[in-house]
Amino acid sequence: MKLESTISERAGFLYLAPVIDGVLLLLVFFAFFGSSFVSKSGVQVVLPSSDSSIPAAGNTHIITVMEGNPPKMFFNESRVDIPQLTTKLASSRLESSQVTVLADRNSAYGDVMEAAFLALKFGYQVAFATQPDDE
């Protein structure tokens, strides 16, 4: 006795339609909401340009250094001076071990390095934010 299926064969492209639908939904989702996944500082700075780049870290503290005498410094969008920055870096180590330094192009090199070395002193990984080189 030969057994035969009464169900007809389905076309292969029907299995591909849900996959394409899922990919398009993900594409639309990340196109609209992808930029909100990257943390940014609320302080406007003109970043220096660079040829090299690394991906942005997701959970990172942001130190912003702006030009001035004394320089304007921010830690995660709150205005700080050097003693306050020291206190905030010491108390925020458990939240994240990474610091991104956003330094204005016209800020003094010594001020930027003082903030970076202070973060290194507390064991943070330090990255400097730049913008792509305009060619």
Protein backbone atom coordinates (compact mmCIF):
# COMPACT_ATOMS: atom_id res chain seq x y z
CA MET A 1 0.00 0.00 0.00
CA LYS A 2 1.49 3.28 -1.11
CA LEU A 3 0.83 6.30 1.12
CA GLU A 4 0.40 9.62 -0.58
CA SER A 5 -0.05 13.06 0.92
CA THR A 6 -3.23 14.90 0.11
CA ILE A 7 -1.63 18.26 0.95
CA SER A 8 -0.30 20.06 -2.07
CA GLU A 9 3.26 21.39 -2.11
CA ARG A 10 3.63 25.03 -1.08
CA ALA A 11 5.67 27.46 -3.07
CA GLY A 12 9.04 28.39 -1.53
CA PHE A 13 8.54 32.14 -1.86
CA LEU A 14 5.69 32.01 0.67
CA TYR A 15 8.17 31.09 3.41
CA LEU A 16 10.34 34.05 2.46
CA ALA A 17 7.59 36.68 2.81
CA PRO A 18 7.52 36.74 6.66
CA VAL A 19 11.31 37.03 6.78
CA ILE A 20 11.30 40.02 4.43
CA ASP A 21 8.49 41.57 6.50
CA GLY A 22 10.53 41.20 9.70
CA VAL A 23 13.66 42.68 8.13
CA LEU A 24 11.74 45.68 6.80
CA LEU A 25 10.14 46.28 10.22
CA LEU A 26 13.57 46.23 11.88
CA LEU A 27 14.93 48.59 9.24
CA VAL A 28 12.11 51.08 9.82
CA PHE A 29 12.47 50.78 13.62
CA PHE A 30 16.20 51.52 13.63
CA ALA A 31 15.86 54.26 11.01
CA PHE A 32 13.46 56.19 13.26
CA PHE A 33 14.76 55.34 16.72
CA GLY A 34 18.41 54.42 16.14
CA SER A 35 19.83 57.84 16.96
CA SER A 36 18.17 57.82 20.40
CA PHE A 37 20.27 54.80 21.44
CA VAL A 38 23.48 56.88 21.45
CA SER A 39 23.94 59.14 24.45
CA LYS A 40 24.80 62.72 23.60
CA SER A 41 25.68 65.73 25.64
CA GLY A 42 23.20 68.59 25.81
CA VAL A 43 26.05 71.11 25.54
CA GLN A 44 26.96 72.35 22.05
CA VAL A 45 30.67 72.03 21.25
CA VAL A 46 32.67 72.21 18.01
CA LEU A 47 34.56 68.93 17.93
CA PRO A 48 38.00 68.59 16.35
CA SER A 49 38.18 66.45 13.22
CA SER A 50 39.94 63.10 12.89
CA ASP A 51 40.44 60.37 10.28
CA SER A 52 40.13 57.53 12.78
CA SER A 53 37.00 56.44 14.58
CA ILE A 54 35.66 53.77 16.90
CA PRO A 55 32.03 52.90 17.61
CA ALA A 56 30.32 54.97 20.28
CA ALA A 57 30.00 53.27 23.66
CA GLY A 58 26.44 52.77 24.83
CA ASN A 59 26.67 53.35 28.59
CA THR A 60 29.30 56.02 29.16
CA HIS A 61 29.78 59.12 31.26
CA ILE A 62 30.34 62.32 29.30
CA ILE A 63 32.76 65.06 30.33
CA THR A 64 32.34 68.22 28.26
CA VAL A 65 35.08 70.86 28.24
CA MET A 66 34.36 74.28 26.73
CA GLU A 67 36.71 77.19 26.23
CA GLY A 68 36.86 79.94 28.82
CA ASN A 69 38.90 81.24 31.69
CA PRO A 70 38.20 79.27 33.85
CA PRO A 71 37.01 76.55 31.46
CA LYS A 72 33.37 75.48 31.54
CA MET A 73 33.13 71.79 32.42
CA PHE A 74 30.10 69.52 32.51
CA PHE A 75 29.72 65.98 33.82
CA ASN A 76 26.68 64.25 32.30
CA GLU A 77 25.10 67.66 31.54
CA SER A 78 25.57 69.14 35.03
CA ARG A 79 28.01 72.06 35.38
CA VAL A 80 31.05 71.20 37.52
CA ASP A 81 34.46 72.53 38.46
CA ILE A 82 37.55 70.36 39.07
CA PRO A 83 36.77 69.49 42.74
CA GLN A 84 33.16 68.62 41.86
CA LEU A 85 34.34 66.59 38.86
CA THR A 86 36.63 64.63 41.18
CA THR A 87 33.73 63.88 43.52
CA LYS A 88 31.36 62.87 40.70
CA LEU A 89 33.95 60.62 39.04
CA ALA A 90 34.64 58.90 42.36
CA SER A 91 30.96 58.27 43.05
CA SER A 92 29.92 57.26 39.50
CA ARG A 93 32.45 54.48 38.91
CA LEU A 94 29.92 51.68 39.52
CA GLU A 95 27.46 53.04 36.93
CA SER A 96 29.93 52.86 34.04
CA SER A 97 33.66 52.37 33.60
CA GLN A 98 33.88 54.48 30.44
CA VAL A 99 34.20 58.23 29.96
CA THR A 100 33.89 60.13 26.69
CA VAL A 101 35.53 63.54 26.62
CA LEU A 102 33.78 66.09 24.40
CA ALA A 103 36.19 68.98 24.10
CA ASP A 104 35.55 72.12 22.11
CA ARG A 105 38.07 72.68 19.33
CA ASN A 106 39.11 76.01 20.91
CA SER A 107 39.43 74.79 24.51
CA ALA A 108 42.88 74.74 26.07
CA TYR A 109 44.81 71.48 25.76
CA GLY A 110 45.74 71.56 29.44
CA ASP A 111 42.11 71.76 30.52
CA VAL A 112 41.13 68.79 28.35
CA MET A 113 44.05 66.71 29.60
CA GLU A 114 43.32 67.62 33.22
CA ALA A 115 39.80 66.21 32.87
CA ALA A 116 41.05 63.11 31.02
CA PHE A 117 43.84 62.37 33.53
CA LEU A 118 41.40 62.80 36.39
CA ALA A 119 39.15 60.14 34.84
CA LEU A 120 42.15 57.87 34.25
CA LYS A 121 43.16 58.32 37.89
CA PHE A 122 39.85 56.78 38.97
CA GLY A 123 40.27 53.83 36.58
CA TYR A 124 37.95 54.89 33.76
CA GLN A 125 38.52 54.04 30.11
CA VAL A 126 38.78 57.39 28.33
CA ALA A 127 37.77 58.13 24.74
CA PHE A 128 37.93 61.50 22.97
CA ALA A 129 34.99 62.45 20.74
CA THR A 130 35.81 63.83 17.29
CA GLN A 131 33.92 64.47 14.09
CA PRO A 132 34.74 62.94 10.69
CA ASP A 133 37.37 64.73 8.65
CA ASP A 134 35.84 66.89 5.91
CA GLU A 135 37.45 66.20 2.58
